[in-house]
Amino acid sequence: MEIAAVAADVMPDYAGRVAMVDALTTDPAAAPVFERYPTQYIPTSIFVNRSGEVVETFVGPLSDDEMRKKLDSLL
């Protein structure tokens, strides 16, 4: 399943507790995101804690359950 579809299913359950930024490599407006969090492969999910530290970088698609586990670990 495409990462955007997984996020659309999962993120409503985390509203107000987790922020998600969907940065497309082809969008020039996303350049600041890629400068701060360099990415080589698509899709890449970067999980950042409240302090702004990268906790995990995951390359590849995520299932709903996998994304929920990673988000739960941030809370």
N, C-alpha and C. Protein backbone atom coordinates (compact mmCIF):
# COMPACT_ATOMS: atom_id res chain seq x y z
N MET A 1 0.85 -1.18 0.00
CA MET A 1 0.00 0.00 0.00
C MET A 1 0.90 1.24 0.00
N GLU A 2 0.50 2.24 -0.75
CA GLU A 2 1.27 3.48 -0.82
C GLU A 2 1.29 4.18 0.55
N ILE A 3 2.43 4.78 0.87
CA ILE A 3 2.60 5.40 2.19
C ILE A 3 1.55 6.47 2.46
N ALA A 4 1.14 7.21 1.45
CA ALA A 4 0.12 8.25 1.65
C ALA A 4 -1.22 7.63 2.05
N ALA A 5 -1.54 6.48 1.48
CA ALA A 5 -2.79 5.81 1.83
C ALA A 5 -2.73 5.27 3.25
N VAL A 6 -1.59 4.73 3.64
CA VAL A 6 -1.42 4.24 5.01
C VAL A 6 -1.55 5.40 5.99
N ALA A 7 -0.88 6.50 5.68
CA ALA A 7 -0.95 7.68 6.56
C ALA A 7 -2.38 8.19 6.66
N ALA A 8 -3.11 8.19 5.56
CA ALA A 8 -4.50 8.66 5.58
C ALA A 8 -5.36 7.80 6.50
N ASP A 9 -5.05 6.51 6.56
CA ASP A 9 -5.80 5.61 7.45
C ASP A 9 -5.40 5.77 8.91
N VAL A 10 -4.10 5.98 9.15
CA VAL A 10 -3.56 5.95 10.50
C VAL A 10 -3.59 7.30 11.21
N MET A 11 -3.24 8.35 10.51
CA MET A 11 -3.03 9.65 11.15
C MET A 11 -4.24 10.22 11.88
N PRO A 12 -5.46 10.00 11.44
CA PRO A 12 -6.59 10.54 12.21
C PRO A 12 -6.61 10.07 13.66
N ASP A 13 -6.10 8.87 13.91
CA ASP A 13 -6.06 8.34 15.29
C ASP A 13 -5.02 9.05 16.15
N TYR A 14 -4.13 9.81 15.51
CA TYR A 14 -3.05 10.49 16.23
C TYR A 14 -3.18 12.02 16.17
N ALA A 15 -4.33 12.48 15.74
CA ALA A 15 -4.57 13.92 15.59
C ALA A 15 -4.30 14.64 16.91
N GLY A 16 -3.54 15.73 16.83
CA GLY A 16 -3.22 16.52 18.01
C GLY A 16 -2.06 15.96 18.83
N ARG A 17 -1.58 14.77 18.48
CA ARG A 17 -0.49 14.16 19.22
C ARG A 17 0.76 13.94 18.38
N VAL A 18 0.56 13.80 17.07
CA VAL A 18 1.65 13.55 16.14
C VAL A 18 1.44 14.41 14.91
N ALA A 19 2.51 15.00 14.42
CA ALA A 19 2.44 15.77 13.17
C ALA A 19 3.08 14.96 12.06
N MET A 20 2.51 15.04 10.88
CA MET A 20 3.08 14.36 9.73
C MET A 20 3.35 15.39 8.65
N VAL A 21 4.51 15.28 8.04
CA VAL A 21 4.86 16.13 6.90
C VAL A 21 5.06 15.21 5.72
N ASP A 22 4.31 15.40 4.67
CA ASP A 22 4.44 14.61 3.45
C ASP A 22 5.21 15.47 2.46
N ALA A 23 6.47 15.14 2.26
CA ALA A 23 7.33 15.94 1.39
C ALA A 23 7.60 15.16 0.11
N LEU A 24 7.20 15.72 -1.00
CA LEU A 24 7.42 15.08 -2.30
C LEU A 24 8.74 15.57 -2.89
N THR A 25 9.55 14.64 -3.34
CA THR A 25 10.88 15.00 -3.85
C THR A 25 10.80 15.91 -5.07
N THR A 26 9.70 15.89 -5.78
CA THR A 26 9.55 16.72 -6.98
C THR A 26 9.01 18.11 -6.69
N ASP A 27 8.66 18.38 -5.45
CA ASP A 27 8.09 19.68 -5.08
C ASP A 27 9.19 20.59 -4.53
N PRO A 28 9.49 21.70 -5.21
CA PRO A 28 10.54 22.61 -4.73
C PRO A 28 10.26 23.14 -3.31
N ALA A 29 9.01 23.23 -2.91
CA ALA A 29 8.67 23.71 -1.57
C ALA A 29 9.14 22.74 -0.49
N ALA A 30 9.44 21.51 -0.86
CA ALA A 30 9.88 20.51 0.11
C ALA A 30 11.39 20.56 0.36
N ALA A 31 12.10 21.40 -0.37
CA ALA A 31 13.57 21.48 -0.25
C ALA A 31 14.05 21.65 1.20
N PRO A 32 13.44 22.52 2.01
CA PRO A 32 13.91 22.65 3.40
C PRO A 32 13.80 21.35 4.21
N VAL A 33 12.79 20.56 3.92
CA VAL A 33 12.63 19.28 4.62
C VAL A 33 13.78 18.35 4.25
N PHE A 34 14.12 18.29 2.96
CA PHE A 34 15.17 17.39 2.52
C PHE A 34 16.56 17.89 2.91
N GLU A 35 16.68 19.18 3.12
CA GLU A 35 17.95 19.70 3.62
C GLU A 35 18.16 19.28 5.08
N ARG A 36 17.10 19.31 5.85
CA ARG A 36 17.20 18.94 7.26
C ARG A 36 17.24 17.43 7.47
N TYR A 37 16.49 16.70 6.64
CA TYR A 37 16.40 15.25 6.75
C TYR A 37 16.72 14.63 5.38
N PRO A 38 18.00 14.49 5.08
CA PRO A 38 18.39 13.95 3.76
C PRO A 38 17.78 12.56 3.51
N THR A 39 17.38 12.35 2.29
CA THR A 39 16.72 11.12 1.90
C THR A 39 17.32 10.63 0.59
N GLN A 40 17.63 9.34 0.51
CA GLN A 40 18.16 8.77 -0.72
C GLN A 40 17.15 7.89 -1.43
N TYR A 41 16.28 7.26 -0.68
CA TYR A 41 15.37 6.28 -1.25
C TYR A 41 13.93 6.70 -1.00
N ILE A 42 13.06 6.24 -1.89
CA ILE A 42 11.65 6.59 -1.78
C ILE A 42 10.85 5.29 -1.72
N PRO A 43 9.92 5.10 -0.81
CA PRO A 43 9.56 6.02 0.25
C PRO A 43 10.49 5.89 1.46
N THR A 44 10.70 6.98 2.13
CA THR A 44 11.45 7.00 3.38
C THR A 44 10.60 7.70 4.43
N SER A 45 10.48 7.07 5.57
CA SER A 45 9.75 7.66 6.70
C SER A 45 10.78 8.00 7.77
N ILE A 46 10.76 9.24 8.21
CA ILE A 46 11.69 9.69 9.24
C ILE A 46 10.86 10.03 10.48
N PHE A 47 11.15 9.35 11.56
CA PHE A 47 10.41 9.54 12.80
C PHE A 47 11.24 10.41 13.73
N VAL A 48 10.65 11.54 14.13
CA VAL A 48 11.35 12.55 14.92
C VAL A 48 10.60 12.72 16.24
N ASN A 49 11.35 12.73 17.35
CA ASN A 49 10.70 12.88 18.65
C ASN A 49 10.41 14.35 18.95
N ARG A 50 9.83 14.61 20.10
CA ARG A 50 9.44 15.97 20.48
C ARG A 50 10.61 16.94 20.55
N SER A 51 11.81 16.40 20.78
CA SER A 51 13.00 17.24 20.87
C SER A 51 13.60 17.55 19.51
N GLY A 52 13.00 17.01 18.46
CA GLY A 52 13.50 17.25 17.12
C GLY A 52 14.60 16.29 16.69
N GLU A 53 14.83 15.26 17.50
CA GLU A 53 15.86 14.28 17.19
C GLU A 53 15.27 13.15 16.34
N VAL A 54 16.02 12.73 15.32
CA VAL A 54 15.59 11.60 14.52
C VAL A 54 15.74 10.34 15.37
N VAL A 55 14.63 9.64 15.55
CA VAL A 55 14.60 8.41 16.33
C VAL A 55 14.82 7.21 15.42
N GLU A 56 14.25 7.29 14.23
CA GLU A 56 14.36 6.18 13.29
C GLU A 56 14.14 6.68 11.87
N THR A 57 14.85 6.08 10.95
CA THR A 57 14.62 6.29 9.52
C THR A 57 14.28 4.93 8.94
N PHE A 58 13.14 4.86 8.28
CA PHE A 58 12.67 3.59 7.73
C PHE A 58 12.51 3.76 6.23
N VAL A 59 13.16 2.90 5.47
CA VAL A 59 13.07 2.93 4.01
C VAL A 59 12.15 1.82 3.56
N GLY A 60 11.18 2.18 2.74
CA GLY A 60 10.24 1.21 2.20
C GLY A 60 8.83 1.49 2.67
N PRO A 61 7.89 0.77 2.12
CA PRO A 61 6.49 0.97 2.53
C PRO A 61 6.25 0.44 3.93
N LEU A 62 5.29 1.02 4.60
CA LEU A 62 4.87 0.59 5.94
C LEU A 62 3.41 0.15 5.88
N SER A 63 3.09 -0.88 6.62
CA SER A 63 1.69 -1.26 6.77
C SER A 63 1.07 -0.36 7.84
N ASP A 64 -0.24 -0.41 7.95
CA ASP A 64 -0.93 0.35 9.00
C ASP A 64 -0.37 -0.02 10.38
N ASP A 65 -0.24 -1.31 10.64
CA ASP A 65 0.24 -1.77 11.95
C ASP A 65 1.68 -1.31 12.22
N GLU A 66 2.53 -1.39 11.21
CA GLU A 66 3.92 -0.96 11.39
C GLU A 66 3.99 0.53 11.71
N MET A 67 3.19 1.34 10.99
CA MET A 67 3.21 2.77 11.24
C MET A 67 2.69 3.07 12.64
N ARG A 68 1.63 2.40 13.06
CA ARG A 68 1.08 2.61 14.40
C ARG A 68 2.13 2.29 15.48
N LYS A 69 2.86 1.20 15.31
CA LYS A 69 3.89 0.82 16.29
C LYS A 69 4.97 1.90 16.38
N LYS A 70 5.38 2.41 15.24
CA LYS A 70 6.43 3.43 15.23
C LYS A 70 5.93 4.72 15.86
N LEU A 71 4.70 5.12 15.56
CA LEU A 71 4.13 6.33 16.14
C LEU A 71 3.91 6.16 17.65
N ASP A 72 3.42 4.99 18.04
CA ASP A 72 3.20 4.74 19.47
C ASP A 72 4.50 4.85 20.25
N SER A 73 5.60 4.45 19.65
CA SER A 73 6.88 4.51 20.34
C SER A 73 7.34 5.96 20.55
N LEU A 74 6.79 6.89 19.80
CA LEU A 74 7.15 8.31 19.95
C LEU A 74 6.34 9.00 21.05
N LEU A 75 5.21 8.42 21.41
CA LEU A 75 4.32 9.06 22.38
C LEU A 75 4.73 8.78 23.80
